[in-house]
Structure formats: structure tokens, C-alpha cells
Amino acid sequence: MSAQAGPLVVGVDSSTQSTKALVVDAGTGAVVARGQSSHTVSPGPGRESDPAQWWDALAEALGQCGDAARRAGAVAVGGQQHGLVTLDSAGKPVRPALLWNDVRSAAQAERLVAELGGPQVWAQRFGSVPTASFTAPKWAWLRETEPEAARATAAVRLPHDYLTERLTGEAVTDRGDASGTGWWATATEAYDEEVLEHLGLSPEALPRVARPGEAAGTVLDDSLPLPKGALVAPGTGDNMAAALGLGLRPGRPVISLGTSGTAYAVTKRRPADPSGIVAGFADARGDWLPLACTLNCTLAVDRMAALLGLDREAVEPGGTAVVLPFLDGERTPNLPWASGTVLGLRHDTTPGQILQAAYDGAAFTLLHALEQVLDAEGGEGGSGAAADEALLLIGGGARGRAWQETLRRLSGRFVVVPVAQELVALGAAAQAAGLLLGEDPAAVSRRWGTAQGPGLEPVERDMAAWERIGESLRAVTGLPRL
């Protein structure tokens, strides 16, 4: 890292379960203050949160940062993708926000794809084939199941848009988060009138899409511990923010281990995968971010450990057990109504082997998806250009030894675990710093050295386990050969 200090900036990570705020020195990347406040997610068949609590959590997290936040020159918000925030004419939430992991709109997603041309058309126009996680099917679900709420909606926002608008008074989003809605086309980099008309949604209800490097506005609300008039960058989705936080160059593979699991890489080519495995998102700085997401990652494995009465690290090698940990349905592969499955039990199978099989099952879906992600960069040449690239392992699970060893064994890659944590908030801080200093935010992160960390040497890939999981997945789901 550079030793030269710079002005202070604030990066915010508004995730599914909490809001984190970091005050960062824009010159060195040093975190000078941090705060965090939790959110409540409703129990039941859906996943919902009151958007007002995100604002309260932001105020609490910034308050914990003390005087450092009050000296910041710029701020940006990274937020959970895909969520549907519906506001009335006064800007108040009509109902709790539908979160990305609410899969009640699975039927609407299937109909939407079929009614507007099928997967190939969607991939070519939008870069992605919408699933229940996307915003557009959620809006269709709301219109069908809660028509009064839909009629009362004057504005539709993504979670990070909601916070940015309350900071600035301006309805602004960015290309990265917009690309996960299902109504912003990556082919034209604009809202798609045909989809909006089909959904009965006016373009006037949506925020303006700011270009990379453009300001969303300035801080207007003096009730927060932020300087009034400080620059506000457009912010972005959490995965795009993490990519910024790592300063990713094209072709560098990343797996993020959180409540959900994601596999992605920055590319120069616009992705378009009609299989739906890879979502062809835009990134926050003008390139592309092909990404695959699984609903079941650390939370599912931790639940398996709890059911077995084990510590999450108490894995044991060996055995023939296979666990498909689809405890909340699954997005990749697209199985929204799936449940968890355990196969291959023997009299001598141990609880530790079952737990290891749960890690393996979660890692398999991520690594298989990563191969498709890298194909989006390699084109006809496949992923060969990135075959020897070290795998960056991030997210809460990346610190766990069992996760590290599982990903290393099933990938056969060199694995690097960056020392920098809270990469979504760091990426938002880098975006704020880039705006304040007139620099490329990814270059800012590279100057901060955020991707540096200890490496784990590659081991021979465990193809026996790989094939066992793949065969079990095909047998249970009827999916074609992976």
C-alpha cells in the first residue's frame, strides 16, 4: 500500500442481514473507523425486510464510526442485488421489500421468459435468463398476488437505490445493479420498453442509470453523521462492489462464500448464456461481470453441522455420502422448489463425513458454475487462458479451514484468501474515492492492495468426489450431464 494519506471516504455494505460502514483513507486504503447494525428478515415462505430498517441501520453504523464519518468527502452504497422496493407517491414503502432469496416468483419467472421469446432471446438482449431471484419476476408476482400494493406503487427501487435516494434526494441507480433487474438490457444499456410494458411498469417509476464515474448527487440529509454536501457515488450491487473492492482484472476467478455463494470474473466481452447458469451482469466501471449464484452456501452447511451436532469445522475425509444441500431451493442449478438430499449412506458413515459431503455439495455447484463463467471470458478458446489463475476466495466462509480445503481439493487451483475483509464496503469506498479523486475505482483498490493474502498450493483435483456428486445430482434432479 501507498504510505501517502488522502481524504476520507465512506463505503457502505447493506446486505441481507446487516449494514456495515467503513471510513477509509482514500490514499492508503486504511480503515480508520467501522460500524455495523443488524437487519430483520421475516420468517415464513418468503424473505422480506422493511426498507426503513436499512436506513436506521445505516444511521447506527455511521454513528459508530464517530467523527471520522463526519470528515468524509464522498460516500457510496453497495447493496444486496435484485430486491424489490416499492414506494408510494410520498416515497414511503408500500410493503416490506422482497429480497433476492425470496423464490415465490418462480412461476412468474418461467412465464416471463416464455412469453417474451424464450431463453435465447433473453440471453442475447439482457445477458441473463431471469430466475425467481430477479426483480422483474418479483414485480410480476406482486401484481398477481397483491394487486392493491402494486396499484399503490409509484416508484420501484433496488435496495441500494433506496438508500442512495434517501441520501441525495435523487432517484439514481448504476448499470451493475440495474443489470440484475430483468428490465435493463445489457445489449442496449437501457431500460427495455417491451418488458416494462408487458409488466405494466412505467419507465418513470424507475431511477436514472448513472454512468461509471458520475455522481448520484450530494448528501442532503443532515440527520446522519455525514457532511452535508459530500459527494455521493451511484453505488452498485454487492457483487459488483466486491469486484471493485478486489480491483479485479479480466479473467481472475472469484468465489464468494456467504449466505449465498457466488462465482464470477470481470470480462471485456458481454456475456449471454441461454442456459441460465451464468447471469451476464454489467460491472460498476464499464466492463462485464458474468456471475453464477447459489442460494445454499455457508448457511446451508452450518445448518447441516447443527443438525449433526457438530462444529462447522468438524469434517472427516472418506466415505461415500453425497449431500445436495438445497435447503432453500436452489438458483444454480435452477431448482427453486428443491430440498436437501443425502445419498450414499453406509453403516460406517460418520457424521463428520456427512458434514464434509455437505461442503463438497455446495462447493461442487459453485465450481461447476465457475467453469461456465470463465467460458464467458475465453469464448471459443474456453477457459484455458484462466486455467492457471489463482482462485480468490472471499466472504465469511473464506476464513474457514474446511471451506478452504474443500475448494482447493475440488478445484485443483492455487487458492488465495485476501487479508482484506468487508470487500463490498471496501468496493463502495473505492467507488467513492474514484469519484472524489477522478480515478478508476478498480485502480484505487489495486493501489490499496486489497487482493493480497496468503496462498494455498494446488493439490490434485479430487475427480472421484466430483463425479460422484455430479452423478447424484443428475439422478435426483433429472438434469442433463453437467
Protein backbone atom coordinates (compact mmCIF):
# COMPACT_ATOMS: atom_id res chain seq x y z
CA MET A 1 0.00 0.00 0.00
CA SER A 2 0.98 3.57 -0.59
CA ALA A 3 2.15 5.41 2.51
CA GLN A 4 0.62 8.70 1.38
CA ALA A 5 -2.59 9.54 3.20
CA GLY A 6 -5.57 11.06 1.45
CA PRO A 7 -9.08 12.33 2.15
CA LEU A 8 -11.58 10.10 3.92
CA VAL A 9 -14.41 8.28 2.14
CA VAL A 10 -17.25 6.07 3.37
CA GLY A 11 -18.16 2.68 1.89
CA VAL A 12 -21.42 1.01 2.89
CA ASP A 13 -22.43 -2.64 2.58
CA SER A 14 -26.19 -3.02 3.02
CA SER A 15 -26.56 -6.80 2.93
CA THR A 16 -29.40 -9.21 3.64
CA GLN A 17 -28.77 -9.32 7.38
CA SER A 18 -26.84 -6.17 8.33
CA THR A 19 -25.41 -2.84 7.25
CA LYS A 20 -21.69 -2.18 7.59
CA ALA A 21 -20.00 1.17 7.17
CA LEU A 22 -16.26 1.72 6.72
CA VAL A 23 -14.44 5.03 6.80
CA VAL A 24 -11.39 4.59 4.59
CA ASP A 25 -8.34 6.71 3.84
CA ALA A 26 -8.58 7.22 0.07
CA GLY A 27 -4.82 7.40 -0.28
CA THR A 28 -3.75 4.31 1.64
CA GLY A 29 -6.88 2.16 1.90
CA ALA A 30 -6.50 2.08 5.68
CA VAL A 31 -9.80 1.58 7.51
CA VAL A 32 -9.93 4.29 10.14
CA ALA A 33 -13.41 3.55 11.54
CA ARG A 34 -16.15 0.95 11.16
CA GLY A 35 -19.70 0.32 12.31
CA GLN A 36 -22.36 -2.35 11.88
CA SER A 37 -26.06 -2.76 12.63
CA SER A 38 -28.33 -5.76 12.02
CA HIS A 39 -31.49 -6.18 9.93
CA THR A 40 -34.51 -8.39 10.46
CA VAL A 41 -35.61 -10.79 7.72
CA SER A 42 -39.14 -12.12 8.08
CA PRO A 43 -39.61 -15.86 8.65
CA GLY A 44 -42.05 -17.84 6.56
CA PRO A 45 -42.32 -18.88 2.92
CA GLY A 46 -40.91 -15.58 1.66
CA ARG A 47 -37.91 -13.43 2.51
CA GLU A 48 -38.85 -9.82 3.27
CA SER A 49 -37.45 -6.80 5.11
CA ASP A 50 -38.77 -3.33 5.90
CA PRO A 51 -36.57 -0.91 3.91
CA ALA A 52 -36.87 1.69 6.67
CA GLN A 53 -34.73 -0.51 8.91
CA TRP A 54 -31.90 -0.34 6.33
CA TRP A 55 -31.87 3.44 6.76
CA ASP A 56 -31.95 3.13 10.54
CA ALA A 57 -29.13 0.57 10.38
CA LEU A 58 -27.10 2.92 8.16
CA ALA A 59 -27.52 5.72 10.68
CA GLU A 60 -26.48 3.38 13.52
CA ALA A 61 -23.44 2.05 11.63
CA LEU A 62 -22.29 5.56 10.68
CA GLY A 63 -22.82 6.72 14.26
CA GLN A 64 -20.43 4.01 15.45
CA CYS A 65 -17.79 5.49 13.11
CA GLY A 66 -17.74 8.66 15.19
CA ASP A 67 -16.08 11.85 13.98
CA ALA A 68 -14.32 10.07 11.09
CA ALA A 69 -17.61 9.78 9.16
CA ARG A 70 -18.25 13.49 9.64
CA ARG A 71 -14.97 14.26 7.82
CA ALA A 72 -15.66 12.12 4.74
CA GLY A 73 -15.56 13.73 1.31
CA ALA A 74 -17.61 11.09 -0.51
CA VAL A 75 -19.80 8.06 0.16
CA ALA A 76 -21.15 5.11 -1.83
CA VAL A 77 -23.56 2.28 -1.03
CA GLY A 78 -23.16 -1.33 -2.11
CA GLY A 79 -26.34 -3.32 -1.58
CA GLN A 80 -27.90 -6.74 -1.93
CA GLN A 81 -28.97 -7.28 -5.52
CA HIS A 82 -32.41 -7.93 -7.04
CA GLY A 83 -34.60 -6.84 -4.13
CA LEU A 84 -37.94 -5.23 -4.96
CA VAL A 85 -38.57 -1.99 -3.04
CA THR A 86 -41.99 -0.45 -3.75
CA LEU A 87 -42.62 3.18 -2.75
CA ASP A 88 -45.80 5.24 -2.75
CA SER A 89 -46.14 8.79 -4.08
CA ALA A 90 -44.73 10.16 -0.81
CA GLY A 91 -41.63 7.94 -1.05
CA LYS A 92 -42.74 5.59 1.74
CA PRO A 93 -42.54 1.80 1.41
CA VAL A 94 -45.84 0.31 0.28
CA ARG A 95 -44.94 -3.06 1.81
CA PRO A 96 -41.80 -4.86 3.02
CA ALA A 97 -39.18 -5.34 0.31
CA LEU A 98 -38.99 -8.73 -1.42
CA LEU A 99 -35.39 -9.89 -1.07
CA TRP A 100 -33.21 -11.65 -3.63
CA ASN A 101 -33.61 -15.03 -1.90
CA ASP A 102 -37.42 -14.92 -1.96
CA VAL A 103 -38.29 -17.61 -4.54
CA ARG A 104 -42.09 -17.23 -4.52
CA SER A 105 -41.90 -15.70 -8.01
CA ALA A 106 -40.51 -18.86 -9.65
CA ALA A 107 -43.66 -19.41 -11.72
CA GLN A 108 -43.69 -15.78 -12.84
CA ALA A 109 -40.05 -16.06 -13.91
CA GLU A 110 -40.83 -19.09 -16.07
CA ARG A 111 -43.81 -17.37 -17.69
CA LEU A 112 -41.91 -14.14 -18.28
CA VAL A 113 -39.13 -15.95 -20.11
CA ALA A 114 -41.58 -17.97 -22.22
CA GLU A 115 -43.86 -15.04 -23.06
CA LEU A 116 -41.06 -12.80 -24.30
CA GLY A 117 -39.15 -15.06 -26.64
CA GLY A 118 -37.51 -17.79 -24.58
CA PRO A 119 -34.04 -18.18 -23.03
CA GLN A 120 -32.04 -17.43 -26.18
CA VAL A 121 -33.76 -14.09 -26.72
CA TRP A 122 -33.39 -13.13 -23.08
CA ALA A 123 -29.70 -14.01 -23.06
CA GLN A 124 -28.98 -12.00 -26.19
CA ARG A 125 -30.89 -8.90 -25.09
CA PHE A 126 -30.41 -8.92 -21.34
CA GLY A 127 -27.32 -11.07 -20.82
CA SER A 128 -29.28 -13.20 -18.36
CA VAL A 129 -32.29 -15.51 -18.22
CA PRO A 130 -34.35 -14.31 -15.23
CA THR A 131 -34.96 -16.63 -12.31
CA ALA A 132 -37.07 -16.10 -9.20
CA SER A 133 -34.21 -14.08 -7.69
CA PHE A 134 -34.51 -11.29 -10.27
CA THR A 135 -36.56 -8.15 -9.70
CA ALA A 136 -38.85 -8.37 -12.75
CA PRO A 137 -40.50 -11.69 -11.72
CA LYS A 138 -40.95 -10.29 -8.21
CA TRP A 139 -42.88 -7.34 -9.63
CA ALA A 140 -45.00 -9.74 -11.71
CA TRP A 141 -45.67 -11.78 -8.55
CA LEU A 142 -46.72 -8.64 -6.66
CA ARG A 143 -49.14 -7.61 -9.41
CA GLU A 144 -50.74 -11.06 -9.39
CA THR A 145 -50.91 -11.73 -5.66
CA GLU A 146 -51.12 -8.23 -4.13
CA PRO A 147 -52.72 -6.03 -6.82
CA GLU A 148 -53.62 -3.27 -4.35
CA ALA A 149 -49.97 -2.92 -3.32
CA ALA A 150 -48.92 -2.81 -6.98
CA ARG A 151 -51.50 -0.11 -7.74
CA ALA A 152 -50.27 1.95 -4.79
CA THR A 153 -46.67 1.79 -6.05
CA ALA A 154 -45.40 5.00 -7.62
CA ALA A 155 -41.70 4.11 -7.66
CA VAL A 156 -39.69 0.89 -7.81
CA ARG A 157 -36.17 0.75 -6.40
CA LEU A 158 -33.41 -1.73 -5.67
CA PRO A 159 -32.14 -1.84 -2.07
CA HIS A 160 -29.04 0.25 -2.74
CA ASP A 161 -31.11 2.73 -4.80
CA TYR A 162 -33.41 3.27 -1.83
CA LEU A 163 -30.53 4.30 0.42
CA THR A 164 -28.85 6.43 -2.25
CA GLU A 165 -32.11 8.27 -2.87
CA ARG A 166 -32.60 8.97 0.81
CA LEU A 167 -29.04 10.30 0.97
CA THR A 168 -29.33 12.57 -2.07
CA GLY A 169 -32.99 13.11 -2.87
CA GLU A 170 -32.20 11.81 -6.37
CA ALA A 171 -33.58 8.62 -7.94
CA VAL A 172 -30.34 7.10 -9.27
CA THR A 173 -29.02 3.60 -9.80
CA ASP A 174 -25.99 2.18 -11.67
CA ARG A 175 -25.52 -0.20 -14.59
CA GLY A 176 -24.25 -3.03 -12.38
CA ASP A 177 -27.27 -3.33 -10.12
CA ALA A 178 -29.69 -2.40 -12.93
CA SER A 179 -28.44 -5.38 -14.95
CA GLY A 180 -29.92 -7.74 -12.34
CA THR A 181 -33.48 -6.47 -12.66
CA GLY A 182 -34.64 -8.21 -15.85
CA TRP A 183 -35.80 -4.93 -17.38
CA TRP A 184 -32.45 -3.25 -18.14
CA ALA A 185 -30.99 -4.67 -21.36
CA THR A 186 -27.23 -5.17 -21.50
CA ALA A 187 -27.35 -5.12 -25.32
CA THR A 188 -28.56 -1.50 -25.35
CA GLU A 189 -27.59 -0.44 -21.81
CA ALA A 190 -31.09 0.95 -21.35
CA TYR A 191 -34.44 0.04 -19.85
CA ASP A 192 -36.35 -2.27 -22.20
CA GLU A 193 -39.73 -0.80 -23.16
CA GLU A 194 -41.22 -4.15 -24.26
CA VAL A 195 -40.54 -5.81 -20.90
CA LEU A 196 -41.79 -2.81 -18.93
CA GLU A 197 -44.99 -2.66 -20.98
CA HIS A 198 -45.51 -6.39 -20.50
CA LEU A 199 -45.09 -5.91 -16.74
CA GLY A 200 -47.33 -2.85 -16.61
CA LEU A 201 -44.49 -0.76 -15.20
CA SER A 202 -43.82 2.81 -16.34
CA PRO A 203 -40.21 3.87 -17.03
CA GLU A 204 -40.98 6.96 -14.93
CA ALA A 205 -41.24 4.69 -11.88
CA LEU A 206 -37.58 3.67 -12.24
CA PRO A 207 -34.39 5.52 -11.27
CA ARG A 208 -31.98 7.12 -13.69
CA VAL A 209 -28.99 4.91 -14.53
CA ALA A 210 -25.79 6.86 -13.81
CA ARG A 211 -22.70 6.14 -15.86
CA PRO A 212 -19.47 4.94 -14.21
CA GLY A 213 -17.65 7.85 -12.65
CA GLU A 214 -20.77 10.00 -12.49
CA ALA A 215 -22.06 11.36 -9.19
CA ALA A 216 -25.52 10.46 -7.95
CA GLY A 217 -25.68 13.72 -6.03
CA THR A 218 -24.60 15.10 -2.69
CA VAL A 219 -25.62 14.38 0.89
CA LEU A 220 -28.75 16.38 1.66
CA ASP A 221 -29.85 14.78 4.93
CA ASP A 222 -28.07 16.42 7.85
CA SER A 223 -29.56 13.94 10.34
CA LEU A 224 -26.80 11.45 9.50
CA PRO A 225 -23.22 11.79 10.77
CA LEU A 226 -22.03 12.70 7.25
CA PRO A 227 -21.02 16.13 5.96
CA LYS A 228 -23.87 17.84 4.17
CA GLY A 229 -22.75 18.38 0.57
CA ALA A 230 -20.38 15.38 0.48
CA LEU A 231 -20.33 13.63 -2.89
CA VAL A 232 -22.46 10.50 -3.27
CA ALA A 233 -21.37 7.99 -5.89
CA PRO A 234 -24.07 5.89 -7.64
CA GLY A 235 -23.25 2.79 -5.58
CA THR A 236 -23.85 -0.67 -7.03
CA GLY A 237 -24.88 -4.25 -6.27
CA ASP A 238 -22.95 -6.20 -3.68
CA ASN A 239 -21.18 -8.49 -6.15
CA MET A 240 -20.13 -5.58 -8.36
CA ALA A 241 -18.90 -3.74 -5.28
CA ALA A 242 -16.82 -6.74 -4.18
CA ALA A 243 -15.28 -6.94 -7.67
CA LEU A 244 -14.34 -3.26 -7.34
CA GLY A 245 -13.04 -3.91 -3.85
CA LEU A 246 -10.64 -6.54 -5.24
CA GLY A 247 -9.59 -4.36 -8.16
CA LEU A 248 -10.27 -7.31 -10.47
CA ARG A 249 -8.64 -7.57 -13.87
CA PRO A 250 -10.37 -9.63 -16.59
CA GLY A 251 -10.20 -13.41 -16.18
CA ARG A 252 -9.33 -13.55 -12.49
CA PRO A 253 -11.77 -16.05 -10.89
CA VAL A 254 -13.51 -15.31 -7.59
CA ILE A 255 -15.69 -17.42 -5.34
CA SER A 256 -17.53 -15.66 -2.54
CA LEU A 257 -18.74 -17.75 0.38
CA GLY A 258 -21.59 -16.07 2.21
CA THR A 259 -25.21 -16.85 2.97
CA SER A 260 -25.30 -17.36 -0.78
CA GLY A 261 -22.33 -18.45 -2.85
CA THR A 262 -21.19 -16.64 -5.98
CA ALA A 263 -18.63 -17.36 -8.68
CA TYR A 264 -17.60 -14.56 -11.02
CA ALA A 265 -14.91 -12.84 -13.06
CA VAL A 266 -14.64 -9.50 -14.84
CA THR A 267 -14.73 -9.79 -18.65
CA LYS A 268 -14.34 -7.46 -21.61
CA ARG A 269 -16.93 -9.38 -23.61
CA ARG A 270 -20.65 -9.02 -22.88
CA PRO A 271 -21.83 -12.46 -21.68
CA ALA A 272 -25.01 -14.11 -22.96
CA ASP A 273 -25.69 -17.60 -21.58
CA PRO A 274 -29.06 -19.06 -22.67
CA SER A 275 -28.68 -21.97 -20.23
CA GLY A 276 -29.29 -19.51 -17.39
CA ILE A 277 -26.36 -20.84 -15.37
CA VAL A 278 -24.41 -17.61 -15.81
CA ALA A 279 -26.05 -14.24 -15.21
CA GLY A 280 -24.48 -11.75 -17.61
CA PHE A 281 -24.31 -8.73 -15.34
CA ALA A 282 -22.66 -5.43 -16.07
CA ASP A 283 -19.98 -4.37 -13.63
CA ALA A 284 -19.76 -0.96 -11.97
CA ARG A 285 -16.99 0.50 -14.16
CA GLY A 286 -17.85 -0.26 -17.79
CA ASP A 287 -16.93 -3.93 -18.22
CA TRP A 288 -18.98 -7.07 -17.55
CA LEU A 289 -19.39 -9.44 -14.63
CA PRO A 290 -20.63 -12.91 -15.61
CA LEU A 291 -21.74 -14.46 -12.35
CA ALA A 292 -23.34 -17.63 -11.06
CA CYS A 293 -25.09 -17.62 -7.70
CA THR A 294 -26.17 -20.45 -5.43
CA LEU A 295 -28.74 -19.89 -2.71
CA ASN A 296 -27.22 -22.52 -0.42
CA CYS A 297 -23.74 -21.87 0.82
CA THR A 298 -22.44 -21.18 4.34
CA LEU A 299 -25.90 -21.04 5.89
CA ALA A 300 -26.83 -24.47 4.49
CA VAL A 301 -23.56 -26.09 5.60
CA ASP A 302 -23.83 -24.54 9.06
CA ARG A 303 -27.39 -25.88 9.30
CA MET A 304 -26.14 -29.36 8.41
CA ALA A 305 -23.50 -29.07 11.13
CA ALA A 306 -26.16 -28.07 13.65
CA LEU A 307 -28.38 -30.99 12.66
CA LEU A 308 -25.44 -33.34 13.16
CA GLY A 309 -24.47 -31.71 16.46
CA LEU A 310 -21.02 -30.80 15.12
CA ASP A 311 -18.81 -27.78 14.99
CA ARG A 312 -18.70 -26.47 11.41
CA GLU A 313 -15.02 -27.40 11.14
CA ALA A 314 -15.51 -31.00 12.36
CA VAL A 315 -15.26 -32.60 8.92
CA GLU A 316 -13.80 -36.06 8.28
CA PRO A 317 -12.42 -37.41 4.99
CA GLY A 318 -13.57 -40.54 3.20
CA GLY A 319 -16.89 -42.27 2.82
CA THR A 320 -19.43 -42.44 0.01
CA ALA A 321 -22.02 -39.95 1.25
CA VAL A 322 -23.28 -37.21 -1.07
CA VAL A 323 -25.20 -34.20 0.22
CA LEU A 324 -27.10 -31.88 -2.11
CA PRO A 325 -27.65 -29.04 0.37
CA PHE A 326 -30.59 -27.34 -1.37
CA LEU A 327 -32.28 -26.35 1.88
CA ASP A 328 -33.86 -23.19 0.41
CA GLY A 329 -34.50 -24.45 -3.11
CA GLU A 330 -31.67 -23.57 -5.48
CA ARG A 331 -30.82 -20.96 -8.09
CA THR A 332 -27.82 -22.67 -9.73
CA PRO A 333 -28.95 -25.13 -10.90
CA ASN A 334 -32.38 -23.52 -11.19
CA LEU A 335 -34.39 -25.70 -8.77
CA PRO A 336 -36.49 -23.22 -6.73
CA TRP A 337 -38.61 -25.94 -5.10
CA ALA A 338 -35.78 -28.40 -4.34
CA SER A 339 -34.96 -29.63 -0.84
CA GLY A 340 -31.84 -31.06 0.74
CA THR A 341 -30.92 -34.65 -0.12
CA VAL A 342 -28.48 -37.12 1.47
CA LEU A 343 -27.38 -40.17 -0.54
CA GLY A 344 -24.82 -42.96 -0.26
CA LEU A 345 -25.06 -43.65 3.47
CA ARG A 346 -23.38 -46.79 4.86
CA HIS A 347 -23.22 -48.35 8.33
CA ASP A 348 -19.71 -46.95 8.72
CA THR A 349 -20.56 -43.42 7.52
CA THR A 350 -19.63 -40.90 10.22
CA PRO A 351 -21.29 -37.56 10.99
CA GLY A 352 -18.04 -35.82 10.05
CA GLN A 353 -18.12 -37.45 6.61
CA ILE A 354 -21.70 -36.30 6.09
CA LEU A 355 -20.65 -32.77 7.03
CA GLN A 356 -17.74 -32.92 4.59
CA ALA A 357 -20.18 -34.11 1.93
CA ALA A 358 -22.31 -31.02 2.59
CA TYR A 359 -19.25 -28.81 1.98
CA ASP A 360 -18.49 -30.80 -1.16
CA GLY A 361 -22.04 -30.47 -2.49
CA ALA A 362 -22.08 -26.70 -2.00
CA ALA A 363 -18.59 -26.32 -3.49
CA PHE A 364 -19.45 -28.50 -6.49
CA THR A 365 -22.26 -26.25 -7.69
CA LEU A 366 -20.06 -23.17 -7.32
CA LEU A 367 -17.05 -24.64 -9.10
CA HIS A 368 -19.12 -26.09 -11.92
CA ALA A 369 -20.69 -22.68 -12.42
CA LEU A 370 -17.24 -21.04 -12.31
CA GLU A 371 -16.22 -23.07 -15.36
CA GLN A 372 -19.14 -21.55 -17.27
CA VAL A 373 -18.25 -18.07 -16.00
CA LEU A 374 -14.71 -18.37 -17.30
CA ASP A 375 -16.00 -19.58 -20.66
CA ALA A 376 -17.70 -16.19 -20.98
CA GLU A 377 -14.25 -14.61 -20.97
CA GLY A 378 -12.47 -17.27 -23.01
CA GLY A 379 -15.05 -17.56 -25.80
CA GLU A 380 -14.13 -20.20 -28.35
CA GLY A 381 -10.88 -20.78 -26.53
CA GLY A 382 -12.80 -21.82 -23.42
CA SER A 383 -11.34 -21.12 -20.00
CA GLY A 384 -7.84 -22.23 -20.87
CA ALA A 385 -6.45 -18.72 -20.57
CA ALA A 386 -7.59 -18.63 -16.96
CA ALA A 387 -6.91 -22.28 -16.09
CA ASP A 388 -3.81 -21.45 -14.05
CA GLU A 389 -5.13 -18.26 -12.50
CA ALA A 390 -5.25 -18.33 -8.72
CA LEU A 391 -8.74 -18.56 -7.28
CA LEU A 392 -9.62 -15.69 -4.96
CA LEU A 393 -11.71 -16.92 -2.04
CA ILE A 394 -13.71 -14.22 -0.24
CA GLY A 395 -16.72 -13.87 2.04
CA GLY A 396 -17.38 -15.01 5.57
CA GLY A 397 -16.72 -18.66 4.79
CA ALA A 398 -13.32 -17.95 3.24
CA ARG A 399 -11.71 -17.85 6.70
CA GLY A 400 -12.87 -21.38 7.49
CA ARG A 401 -10.29 -24.10 7.05
CA ALA A 402 -12.89 -26.64 5.91
CA TRP A 403 -14.09 -24.30 3.15
CA GLN A 404 -10.53 -23.52 2.05
CA GLU A 405 -9.51 -27.18 1.82
CA THR A 406 -12.74 -28.21 0.10
CA LEU A 407 -12.39 -25.58 -2.63
CA ARG A 408 -8.72 -26.37 -3.08
CA ARG A 409 -9.35 -30.13 -3.35
CA LEU A 410 -12.29 -29.89 -5.75
CA SER A 411 -10.80 -27.13 -7.96
CA GLY A 412 -7.16 -28.21 -8.18
CA ARG A 413 -6.28 -24.48 -8.25
CA PHE A 414 -3.92 -22.28 -6.28
CA VAL A 415 -6.19 -20.54 -3.74
CA VAL A 416 -5.61 -17.05 -2.34
CA VAL A 417 -7.54 -15.74 0.66
CA PRO A 418 -7.23 -11.95 0.66
CA VAL A 419 -6.39 -10.39 4.01
CA ALA A 420 -8.79 -7.53 3.30
CA GLN A 421 -12.26 -8.16 4.67
CA GLU A 422 -15.62 -6.46 4.13
CA LEU A 423 -14.89 -6.23 0.40
CA VAL A 424 -18.36 -4.96 -0.53
CA ALA A 425 -17.91 -1.95 1.73
CA LEU A 426 -14.31 -1.53 0.52
CA GLY A 427 -15.53 -1.62 -3.09
CA ALA A 428 -18.11 1.05 -2.32
CA ALA A 429 -15.34 3.08 -0.65
CA ALA A 430 -13.17 2.64 -3.76
CA GLN A 431 -16.05 3.90 -5.91
CA ALA A 432 -16.41 6.93 -3.64
CA ALA A 433 -12.64 7.51 -3.72
CA GLY A 434 -12.58 7.20 -7.51
CA LEU A 435 -15.30 9.82 -7.79
CA LEU A 436 -13.59 12.15 -5.32
CA LEU A 437 -10.10 11.78 -6.86
CA GLY A 438 -11.07 11.34 -10.51
CA GLU A 439 -9.54 7.84 -10.69
CA ASP A 440 -10.59 4.37 -11.85
CA PRO A 441 -12.04 2.77 -8.69
CA ALA A 442 -10.53 -0.64 -9.55
CA ALA A 443 -7.11 1.02 -9.81
CA VAL A 444 -7.74 2.60 -6.43
CA SER A 445 -8.34 -0.85 -4.93
CA ARG A 446 -5.22 -2.26 -6.58
CA ARG A 447 -3.25 0.59 -5.04
CA TRP A 448 -4.74 -0.36 -1.68
CA GLY A 449 -3.56 -3.97 -2.17
CA THR A 450 -6.91 -5.48 -1.25
CA ALA A 451 -6.43 -8.75 -3.20
CA GLN A 452 -3.21 -9.66 -1.42
CA GLY A 453 -3.22 -12.55 1.01
CA PRO A 454 -1.80 -15.98 1.87
CA GLY A 455 -1.91 -18.68 -0.78
CA LEU A 456 -2.68 -22.38 -0.60
CA GLU A 457 -0.70 -24.51 -3.04
CA PRO A 458 -2.78 -26.57 -5.51
CA VAL A 459 -3.41 -30.24 -4.90
CA GLU A 460 -4.51 -32.94 -7.31
CA ARG A 461 -8.17 -32.46 -8.09
CA ASP A 462 -10.49 -34.98 -6.41
CA MET A 463 -12.21 -36.23 -9.54
CA ALA A 464 -13.75 -39.22 -7.74
CA ALA A 465 -15.76 -36.92 -5.47
CA TRP A 466 -16.53 -34.61 -8.40
CA GLU A 467 -18.01 -37.43 -10.48
CA ARG A 468 -19.89 -38.88 -7.50
CA ILE A 469 -21.61 -35.58 -6.80
CA GLY A 470 -22.38 -34.96 -10.47
CA GLU A 471 -23.94 -38.40 -10.91
CA SER A 472 -26.05 -37.96 -7.77
CA LEU A 473 -27.25 -34.53 -8.86
CA ARG A 474 -28.31 -35.86 -12.25
CA ALA A 475 -30.07 -38.85 -10.68
CA VAL A 476 -32.03 -36.74 -8.20
CA THR A 477 -32.93 -33.81 -10.45
CA GLY A 478 -33.07 -35.34 -13.93
CA LEU A 479 -30.75 -32.62 -15.18
CA PRO A 480 -28.59 -33.45 -18.23
CA ARG A 481 -24.92 -34.27 -17.80
CA LEU A 482 -23.09 -31.41 -16.15
